[in-house]
Amino acid sequence: MNSIKFNFSHPVSGRARLLQLTPKTNNCRTLAINSKEDNTIEIPVNDCQCGKWKLELSWEYEGRDFSHQEEFEVEN
């Protein structure tokens, strides 16, 4: 898996956090996200270490705050 892709019905601008769920690690990355014209966001995960991760998206649209969370696993 090289990336996680999302298609929205509206423009999205906010942040994505990648947190590794492996015990005894503090591996965390924060990325700015912006869907631009096509309302699509692609989060690169190709440089994430093997193991379980949690993706947290947060953004604002028309004055309202939104968020999405999901877990995924990176394998060899």
N, C-alpha and C. Protein backbone atom coordinates (compact mmCIF):
# COMPACT_ATOMS: atom_id res chain seq x y z
N MET A 1 0.85 -1.17 0.00
CA MET A 1 0.00 0.00 0.00
C MET A 1 0.90 1.24 0.00
N ASN A 2 0.68 2.11 -0.96
CA ASN A 2 1.47 3.34 -1.05
C ASN A 2 0.77 4.55 -0.45
N SER A 3 -0.57 4.52 -0.47
CA SER A 3 -1.32 5.67 0.05
C SER A 3 -2.75 5.25 0.39
N ILE A 4 -3.41 6.11 1.15
CA ILE A 4 -4.83 5.96 1.46
C ILE A 4 -5.53 7.14 0.81
N LYS A 5 -6.55 6.84 0.01
CA LYS A 5 -7.21 7.88 -0.78
C LYS A 5 -8.65 8.08 -0.30
N PHE A 6 -9.06 9.35 -0.24
CA PHE A 6 -10.42 9.72 0.15
C PHE A 6 -11.02 10.62 -0.91
N ASN A 7 -12.29 10.39 -1.23
CA ASN A 7 -13.04 11.26 -2.14
C ASN A 7 -14.15 11.93 -1.34
N PHE A 8 -14.17 13.24 -1.34
CA PHE A 8 -15.17 14.01 -0.60
C PHE A 8 -16.16 14.65 -1.56
N SER A 9 -17.29 15.05 -1.04
CA SER A 9 -18.30 15.73 -1.85
C SER A 9 -18.15 17.24 -1.79
N HIS A 10 -17.11 17.71 -1.10
CA HIS A 10 -16.85 19.15 -0.95
C HIS A 10 -15.35 19.35 -0.78
N PRO A 11 -14.87 20.57 -0.95
CA PRO A 11 -13.44 20.84 -0.73
C PRO A 11 -13.05 20.58 0.73
N VAL A 12 -11.85 20.07 0.93
CA VAL A 12 -11.36 19.74 2.27
C VAL A 12 -9.98 20.35 2.47
N SER A 13 -9.82 21.04 3.59
CA SER A 13 -8.52 21.58 3.97
C SER A 13 -8.40 21.40 5.48
N GLY A 14 -7.33 20.77 5.92
CA GLY A 14 -7.16 20.52 7.35
C GLY A 14 -5.86 19.81 7.62
N ARG A 15 -5.93 18.74 8.47
CA ARG A 15 -4.71 18.02 8.80
C ARG A 15 -4.98 16.53 8.92
N ALA A 16 -3.93 15.76 8.72
CA ALA A 16 -3.96 14.32 8.90
C ALA A 16 -2.85 13.96 9.88
N ARG A 17 -3.17 13.09 10.82
CA ARG A 17 -2.16 12.58 11.76
C ARG A 17 -2.06 11.08 11.58
N LEU A 18 -0.84 10.60 11.47
CA LEU A 18 -0.56 9.16 11.40
C LEU A 18 0.13 8.77 12.70
N LEU A 19 -0.49 7.86 13.46
CA LEU A 19 0.05 7.41 14.74
C LEU A 19 0.31 5.92 14.69
N GLN A 20 1.53 5.51 14.96
CA GLN A 20 1.83 4.08 14.99
C GLN A 20 1.30 3.50 16.30
N LEU A 21 0.57 2.37 16.22
CA LEU A 21 -0.08 1.79 17.38
C LEU A 21 0.75 0.70 18.05
N THR A 22 1.97 0.50 17.61
CA THR A 22 2.85 -0.49 18.21
C THR A 22 3.27 -0.01 19.60
N PRO A 23 3.20 -0.89 20.60
CA PRO A 23 3.62 -0.47 21.95
C PRO A 23 5.07 0.02 21.96
N LYS A 24 5.33 0.96 22.84
CA LYS A 24 6.67 1.51 23.06
C LYS A 24 7.22 2.29 21.87
N THR A 25 6.36 2.84 21.03
CA THR A 25 6.82 3.72 19.96
C THR A 25 6.07 5.04 20.05
N ASN A 26 6.74 6.08 19.66
CA ASN A 26 6.13 7.41 19.62
C ASN A 26 6.12 7.93 18.19
N ASN A 27 5.97 7.03 17.23
CA ASN A 27 6.02 7.40 15.84
C ASN A 27 4.72 8.11 15.46
N CYS A 28 4.82 9.39 15.13
CA CYS A 28 3.65 10.20 14.79
C CYS A 28 4.06 11.21 13.74
N ARG A 29 3.19 11.38 12.73
CA ARG A 29 3.43 12.40 11.70
C ARG A 29 2.14 13.20 11.52
N THR A 30 2.31 14.48 11.28
CA THR A 30 1.18 15.35 10.98
C THR A 30 1.40 15.97 9.61
N LEU A 31 0.37 15.91 8.77
CA LEU A 31 0.44 16.43 7.41
C LEU A 31 -0.70 17.41 7.17
N ALA A 32 -0.42 18.45 6.41
CA ALA A 32 -1.48 19.35 5.95
C ALA A 32 -2.19 18.66 4.79
N ILE A 33 -3.52 18.78 4.74
CA ILE A 33 -4.28 18.19 3.63
C ILE A 33 -5.08 19.28 2.94
N ASN A 34 -5.21 19.15 1.63
CA ASN A 34 -5.98 20.10 0.84
C ASN A 34 -6.44 19.37 -0.42
N SER A 35 -7.76 19.28 -0.61
CA SER A 35 -8.29 18.51 -1.73
C SER A 35 -8.26 19.28 -3.05
N LYS A 36 -8.03 20.57 -3.00
CA LYS A 36 -7.97 21.42 -4.20
C LYS A 36 -9.25 21.28 -5.04
N GLU A 37 -9.11 21.13 -6.35
CA GLU A 37 -10.28 21.16 -7.25
C GLU A 37 -11.08 19.87 -7.29
N ASP A 38 -10.43 18.72 -7.13
CA ASP A 38 -11.13 17.46 -7.36
C ASP A 38 -11.71 16.81 -6.09
N ASN A 39 -11.62 17.47 -4.95
CA ASN A 39 -12.17 16.98 -3.68
C ASN A 39 -11.59 15.63 -3.26
N THR A 40 -10.36 15.34 -3.70
CA THR A 40 -9.69 14.09 -3.38
C THR A 40 -8.46 14.35 -2.52
N ILE A 41 -8.26 13.50 -1.52
CA ILE A 41 -7.07 13.58 -0.67
C ILE A 41 -6.37 12.23 -0.72
N GLU A 42 -5.06 12.27 -0.87
CA GLU A 42 -4.26 11.05 -0.87
C GLU A 42 -3.19 11.17 0.20
N ILE A 43 -3.23 10.29 1.19
CA ILE A 43 -2.29 10.31 2.30
C ILE A 43 -1.20 9.28 2.03
N PRO A 44 0.06 9.71 1.85
CA PRO A 44 1.14 8.75 1.59
C PRO A 44 1.47 7.93 2.84
N VAL A 45 1.55 6.62 2.70
CA VAL A 45 1.92 5.74 3.81
C VAL A 45 3.07 4.82 3.43
N ASN A 46 3.68 5.03 2.28
CA ASN A 46 4.73 4.14 1.80
C ASN A 46 5.99 4.19 2.65
N ASP A 47 6.20 5.25 3.43
CA ASP A 47 7.38 5.30 4.28
C ASP A 47 7.06 4.99 5.74
N CYS A 48 5.85 4.50 6.03
CA CYS A 48 5.49 4.09 7.38
C CYS A 48 6.12 2.72 7.67
N GLN A 49 6.59 2.54 8.89
CA GLN A 49 7.16 1.26 9.30
C GLN A 49 6.07 0.20 9.34
N CYS A 50 6.47 -1.07 9.25
CA CYS A 50 5.52 -2.17 9.34
C CYS A 50 4.82 -2.13 10.70
N GLY A 51 3.54 -2.48 10.69
CA GLY A 51 2.77 -2.53 11.93
C GLY A 51 1.43 -1.85 11.77
N LYS A 52 0.73 -1.71 12.89
CA LYS A 52 -0.59 -1.09 12.91
C LYS A 52 -0.47 0.42 13.11
N TRP A 53 -1.32 1.13 12.40
CA TRP A 53 -1.34 2.59 12.44
C TRP A 53 -2.77 3.09 12.59
N LYS A 54 -2.89 4.32 13.06
CA LYS A 54 -4.19 5.00 13.13
C LYS A 54 -4.08 6.29 12.35
N LEU A 55 -5.04 6.53 11.48
CA LEU A 55 -5.11 7.76 10.70
C LEU A 55 -6.24 8.61 11.27
N GLU A 56 -5.94 9.86 11.59
CA GLU A 56 -6.94 10.81 12.08
C GLU A 56 -6.98 12.00 11.12
N LEU A 57 -8.12 12.24 10.52
CA LEU A 57 -8.32 13.41 9.66
C LEU A 57 -9.18 14.41 10.41
N SER A 58 -8.86 15.69 10.28
CA SER A 58 -9.70 16.75 10.84
C SER A 58 -9.72 17.91 9.86
N TRP A 59 -10.92 18.48 9.66
CA TRP A 59 -11.07 19.59 8.72
C TRP A 59 -12.31 20.40 9.08
N GLU A 60 -12.39 21.57 8.48
CA GLU A 60 -13.54 22.45 8.68
C GLU A 60 -14.19 22.70 7.32
N TYR A 61 -15.51 22.71 7.31
CA TYR A 61 -16.25 23.00 6.08
C TYR A 61 -17.50 23.79 6.45
N GLU A 62 -17.65 24.93 5.84
CA GLU A 62 -18.80 25.83 6.07
C GLU A 62 -19.02 26.08 7.56
N GLY A 63 -17.92 26.34 8.28
CA GLY A 63 -18.01 26.70 9.70
C GLY A 63 -18.22 25.54 10.65
N ARG A 64 -18.23 24.30 10.14
CA ARG A 64 -18.42 23.13 10.99
C ARG A 64 -17.15 22.28 11.00
N ASP A 65 -16.84 21.71 12.16
CA ASP A 65 -15.66 20.84 12.30
C ASP A 65 -16.05 19.39 12.02
N PHE A 66 -15.17 18.69 11.30
CA PHE A 66 -15.39 17.29 10.97
C PHE A 66 -14.13 16.50 11.29
N SER A 67 -14.29 15.20 11.53
CA SER A 67 -13.14 14.33 11.74
C SER A 67 -13.47 12.91 11.27
N HIS A 68 -12.43 12.17 11.00
CA HIS A 68 -12.55 10.77 10.59
C HIS A 68 -11.34 10.04 11.13
N GLN A 69 -11.56 8.83 11.66
CA GLN A 69 -10.47 8.00 12.15
C GLN A 69 -10.60 6.60 11.58
N GLU A 70 -9.47 6.01 11.26
CA GLU A 70 -9.47 4.61 10.88
C GLU A 70 -8.11 4.01 11.13
N GLU A 71 -8.10 2.70 11.37
CA GLU A 71 -6.86 1.99 11.58
C GLU A 71 -6.51 1.21 10.32
N PHE A 72 -5.20 1.05 10.09
CA PHE A 72 -4.73 0.26 8.95
C PHE A 72 -3.42 -0.40 9.33
N GLU A 73 -3.00 -1.36 8.54
CA GLU A 73 -1.77 -2.09 8.82
C GLU A 73 -0.85 -2.04 7.61
N VAL A 74 0.42 -1.79 7.89
CA VAL A 74 1.45 -1.81 6.84
C VAL A 74 2.22 -3.11 6.98
N GLU A 75 2.27 -3.85 5.87
CA GLU A 75 2.99 -5.13 5.87
C GLU A 75 4.22 -5.00 5.00
N ASN A 76 5.09 -5.98 5.08
CA ASN A 76 6.33 -5.97 4.27
C ASN A 76 6.04 -5.80 2.82
